[in-house]
Amino acid sequence: MDPFPPQQHDQEKARERDIASQTFGTSARMLGLGFTILSLLKGMPNPDHLDTIADDVFAVDAQTFLIACFLGYAVLRSRLLRRTHRLEFLADAGFLLGLTSKGVACVLFV
């Protein structure tokens, strides 16, 4: 049995979808930014060892945002509230991990 009335259940689901749509869109933009930075790093002449580490971190960062983007999309497609909560948690964790790794890569690059 669901402890929440149907109206509250619908409001909770709408809130989760709103957050997921923001995670999905922002992750996609951050993924594009990561690819742009990677292409600029690869085009630089004679990168030293630190730049190589930075572009590796940017590549992992792009993959992290890709996973967060997929999880955000899965939340939008999910019909079960319990699954939505789990996927939303994973999407948020992936997004925060991606932001952290992007910050580390920026510090390494600078």
Protein backbone atom coordinates (compact mmCIF):
# COMPACT_ATOMS: atom_id res chain seq x y z
CA MET A 1 0.00 0.00 0.00
CA ASP A 2 1.12 3.50 -0.82
CA PRO A 3 1.22 5.72 2.32
CA PHE A 4 0.73 8.86 0.23
CA PRO A 5 -2.54 9.99 -1.35
CA PRO A 6 -2.62 9.96 -5.18
CA GLN A 7 -2.39 13.75 -5.46
CA GLN A 8 0.78 13.90 -3.35
CA HIS A 9 2.18 10.95 -5.31
CA ASP A 10 1.66 12.86 -8.57
CA GLN A 11 3.29 16.00 -7.16
CA GLU A 12 6.30 13.99 -6.02
CA LYS A 13 6.64 12.38 -9.44
CA ALA A 14 6.36 15.76 -11.19
CA ARG A 15 9.07 17.19 -8.92
CA GLU A 16 11.37 14.24 -9.63
CA ARG A 17 10.87 14.64 -13.37
CA ASP A 18 11.61 18.36 -13.16
CA ILE A 19 14.89 17.71 -11.37
CA ALA A 20 15.73 14.92 -13.82
CA SER A 21 15.11 17.16 -16.83
CA GLN A 22 17.51 19.72 -15.39
CA THR A 23 20.12 17.03 -14.69
CA PHE A 24 19.66 15.62 -18.18
CA GLY A 25 20.03 18.98 -19.93
CA THR A 26 22.92 20.25 -17.85
CA SER A 27 24.81 16.96 -18.16
CA ALA A 28 24.44 17.12 -21.93
CA ARG A 29 25.83 20.67 -21.99
CA MET A 30 28.72 19.72 -19.71
CA LEU A 31 29.44 16.73 -21.95
CA GLY A 32 29.68 19.07 -24.94
CA LEU A 33 31.95 21.40 -23.00
CA GLY A 34 34.19 18.47 -22.09
CA PHE A 35 34.48 17.41 -25.73
CA THR A 36 35.32 20.99 -26.73
CA ILE A 37 38.05 21.22 -24.10
CA LEU A 38 39.44 17.84 -25.16
CA SER A 39 39.61 18.90 -28.80
CA LEU A 40 41.37 22.13 -27.83
CA LEU A 41 43.86 20.27 -25.63
CA LYS A 42 44.65 17.78 -28.39
CA GLY A 43 45.19 20.63 -30.86
CA MET A 44 47.78 22.39 -28.70
CA PRO A 45 51.37 22.03 -29.90
CA ASN A 46 53.79 20.02 -27.74
CA PRO A 47 51.67 19.29 -24.68
CA ASP A 48 53.73 18.47 -21.62
CA HIS A 49 53.04 15.62 -19.21
CA LEU A 50 50.61 17.62 -17.07
CA ASP A 51 48.42 18.41 -20.08
CA THR A 52 48.28 14.70 -20.85
CA ILE A 53 47.03 14.02 -17.33
CA ALA A 54 44.50 16.85 -17.64
CA ASP A 55 43.09 15.55 -20.92
CA ASP A 56 42.77 12.07 -19.41
CA VAL A 57 40.80 13.53 -16.52
CA PHE A 58 38.66 15.53 -18.97
CA ALA A 59 37.97 12.32 -20.92
CA VAL A 60 36.84 10.49 -17.77
CA ASP A 61 34.81 13.58 -16.87
CA ALA A 62 33.03 13.48 -20.24
CA GLN A 63 32.18 9.81 -19.71
CA THR A 64 30.83 10.61 -16.24
CA PHE A 65 28.55 13.30 -17.65
CA LEU A 66 27.43 10.90 -20.39
CA ILE A 67 26.39 8.38 -17.74
CA ALA A 68 24.61 11.11 -15.73
CA CYS A 69 22.84 12.18 -18.91
CA PHE A 70 21.67 8.62 -19.61
CA LEU A 71 20.48 8.21 -16.03
CA GLY A 72 18.60 11.51 -16.19
CA TYR A 73 16.89 10.31 -19.35
CA ALA A 74 16.04 7.01 -17.67
CA VAL A 75 14.36 8.95 -14.84
CA LEU A 76 12.26 10.80 -17.38
CA ARG A 77 11.19 7.51 -18.98
CA SER A 78 10.60 5.62 -15.73
CA ARG A 79 7.03 4.97 -14.68
CA LEU A 80 7.65 3.54 -11.20
CA LEU A 81 8.28 6.00 -8.37
CA ARG A 82 10.67 3.69 -6.49
CA ARG A 83 12.81 3.18 -9.61
CA THR A 84 12.62 6.91 -10.28
CA HIS A 85 14.08 7.67 -6.84
CA ARG A 86 16.96 5.25 -7.33
CA LEU A 87 17.78 6.49 -10.81
CA GLU A 88 17.53 10.11 -9.69
CA PHE A 89 19.99 9.45 -6.87
CA LEU A 90 22.44 7.83 -9.30
CA ALA A 91 22.04 10.65 -11.83
CA ASP A 92 22.70 13.26 -9.14
CA ALA A 93 25.73 11.35 -7.87
CA GLY A 94 27.12 11.04 -11.39
CA PHE A 95 26.53 14.73 -12.05
CA LEU A 96 28.31 15.77 -8.84
CA LEU A 97 31.17 13.38 -9.56
CA GLY A 98 31.47 14.90 -13.03
CA LEU A 99 31.56 18.43 -11.62
CA THR A 100 34.24 17.41 -9.16
CA SER A 101 36.40 15.76 -11.80
CA LYS A 102 35.99 18.77 -14.10
CA GLY A 103 37.25 20.99 -11.28
CA VAL A 104 40.24 18.71 -10.70
CA ALA A 105 41.04 18.69 -14.43
CA CYS A 106 40.86 22.50 -14.55
CA VAL A 107 43.29 22.76 -11.64
CA LEU A 108 45.66 20.33 -13.36
CA PHE A 109 45.43 22.23 -16.62
CA VAL A 110 46.08 25.64 -15.08
